[in-house]
Amino acid sequence: MKSTEPVCQYELKAARDAMEVIQGKWRIPIVISLTYGTKRFGEIHRDIPDISPKMLSQELKALEENKLITRTLHDSMPVTVEYALTPLGMSLRELLDELRNWGKHFRGEIVGK
């Protein structure tokens, strides 16, 4: 049994790393919003109306720091800022599809709706 212990520890660390990046109430909805294309702050906020502008700004910064999204500043009048998923962020699509499928299953089995 000891021979699998390092493998298990590695797998646990990898899962914790992933959870650290996508944790919280808002990061997954933001990423899902951006899977539909490049968006401005207000467009993301319209997709997720329950999030405060301050929280949205904080979460966008965190996602940018973790290289899941890019923030592009366009030199126009007025200044335009756009957010888009990076290739690393796009790699979450399959995981998010599975998460949604599991959520539908859970809702049907446990919640009954």
Protein backbone atom coordinates (compact mmCIF):
# COMPACT_ATOMS: atom_id res chain seq x y z
CA MET A 1 0.00 0.00 0.00
CA LYS A 2 2.91 2.38 0.64
CA SER A 3 3.92 2.27 -3.02
CA THR A 4 0.77 4.22 -4.03
CA GLU A 5 1.12 6.84 -1.29
CA PRO A 6 3.25 9.32 -3.33
CA VAL A 7 0.86 8.97 -6.26
CA CYS A 8 -2.12 9.64 -4.01
CA GLN A 9 -0.40 12.67 -2.47
CA TYR A 10 0.37 14.04 -5.92
CA GLU A 11 -3.23 13.55 -7.05
CA LEU A 12 -4.56 15.24 -3.91
CA LYS A 13 -2.23 18.22 -4.41
CA ALA A 14 -3.27 18.56 -8.04
CA ALA A 15 -6.97 18.51 -7.07
CA ARG A 16 -6.36 21.10 -4.33
CA ASP A 17 -4.51 23.33 -6.81
CA ALA A 18 -7.46 23.15 -9.21
CA MET A 19 -9.99 23.86 -6.47
CA GLU A 20 -7.95 26.84 -5.27
CA VAL A 21 -8.16 28.43 -8.74
CA ILE A 22 -11.89 27.88 -9.32
CA GLN A 23 -13.14 28.10 -5.73
CA GLY A 24 -15.87 30.41 -4.61
CA LYS A 25 -19.34 31.36 -5.65
CA TRP A 26 -18.45 33.50 -8.66
CA ARG A 27 -15.43 32.20 -10.56
CA ILE A 28 -17.15 29.33 -12.33
CA PRO A 29 -20.09 31.51 -13.45
CA ILE A 30 -17.61 34.11 -14.77
CA VAL A 31 -15.70 31.46 -16.72
CA ILE A 32 -18.98 30.06 -18.08
CA SER A 33 -19.99 33.57 -19.18
CA LEU A 34 -16.69 33.95 -21.03
CA THR A 35 -17.06 30.58 -22.79
CA TYR A 36 -19.60 32.44 -24.95
CA GLY A 37 -16.94 34.85 -26.16
CA THR A 38 -15.02 38.01 -25.34
CA LYS A 39 -17.02 40.37 -23.14
CA ARG A 40 -16.82 43.72 -21.45
CA PHE A 41 -17.32 44.15 -17.70
CA GLY A 42 -20.96 45.22 -18.06
CA GLU A 43 -21.79 42.23 -20.26
CA ILE A 44 -20.38 39.82 -17.68
CA HIS A 45 -22.30 41.67 -14.97
CA ARG A 46 -25.54 41.32 -16.96
CA ASP A 47 -24.90 37.57 -17.27
CA ILE A 48 -24.40 37.32 -13.48
CA PRO A 49 -26.68 40.01 -12.02
CA ASP A 50 -26.33 38.89 -8.38
CA ILE A 51 -22.61 39.70 -8.21
CA SER A 52 -21.61 43.15 -7.01
CA PRO A 53 -19.35 45.22 -9.28
CA LYS A 54 -16.63 45.18 -6.59
CA MET A 55 -16.74 41.38 -6.28
CA LEU A 56 -16.77 40.97 -10.06
CA SER A 57 -13.69 43.16 -10.32
CA GLN A 58 -11.89 41.16 -7.61
CA GLU A 59 -12.75 37.83 -9.18
CA LEU A 60 -11.69 38.99 -12.66
CA LYS A 61 -8.32 40.03 -11.21
CA ALA A 62 -7.92 36.63 -9.52
CA LEU A 63 -8.78 34.77 -12.72
CA GLU A 64 -6.31 36.95 -14.63
CA GLU A 65 -3.57 36.29 -12.06
CA ASN A 66 -4.16 32.56 -12.51
CA LYS A 67 -3.91 32.97 -16.29
CA LEU A 68 -7.45 31.78 -16.97
CA ILE A 69 -8.54 35.07 -18.56
CA THR A 70 -6.94 38.00 -20.32
CA ARG A 71 -7.79 41.63 -19.83
CA THR A 72 -7.33 43.73 -22.96
CA LEU A 73 -7.34 47.52 -22.77
CA HIS A 74 -8.33 49.22 -26.04
CA ASP A 75 -7.16 52.78 -26.55
CA SER A 76 -10.46 54.30 -27.60
CA MET A 77 -12.80 57.00 -26.40
CA PRO A 78 -14.08 55.98 -23.96
CA VAL A 79 -11.46 53.40 -22.99
CA THR A 80 -12.72 49.86 -23.60
CA VAL A 81 -11.68 46.84 -21.53
CA GLU A 82 -12.46 43.33 -22.73
CA TYR A 83 -12.10 39.99 -20.99
CA ALA A 84 -11.55 36.65 -22.72
CA LEU A 85 -10.59 33.13 -21.78
CA THR A 86 -7.01 32.07 -22.35
CA PRO A 87 -6.27 28.61 -23.77
CA LEU A 88 -5.82 27.49 -20.14
CA GLY A 89 -9.25 28.92 -19.30
CA MET A 90 -10.79 27.25 -22.34
CA SER A 91 -9.40 23.94 -21.11
CA LEU A 92 -11.99 24.14 -18.30
CA ARG A 93 -14.87 23.64 -20.77
CA GLU A 94 -14.93 19.86 -20.50
CA LEU A 95 -14.76 20.01 -16.70
CA LEU A 96 -17.58 22.57 -16.60
CA ASP A 97 -19.72 20.41 -18.91
CA GLU A 98 -19.24 17.46 -16.56
CA LEU A 99 -19.99 19.65 -13.54
CA ARG A 100 -23.25 20.84 -15.13
CA ASN A 101 -24.20 17.24 -16.02
CA TRP A 102 -23.52 16.13 -12.47
CA GLY A 103 -25.55 19.08 -11.15
CA LYS A 104 -28.52 18.07 -13.29
CA HIS A 105 -28.19 14.47 -12.04
CA PHE A 106 -27.88 15.63 -8.42
CA ARG A 107 -30.90 17.91 -8.77
CA GLY A 108 -32.93 15.00 -10.18
CA GLU A 109 -31.79 12.47 -7.58
CA ILE A 110 -31.65 14.54 -4.42
CA VAL A 111 -33.57 17.75 -4.92
CA GLY A 112 -36.21 16.17 -7.14
CA LYS A 113 -36.60 19.12 -9.51
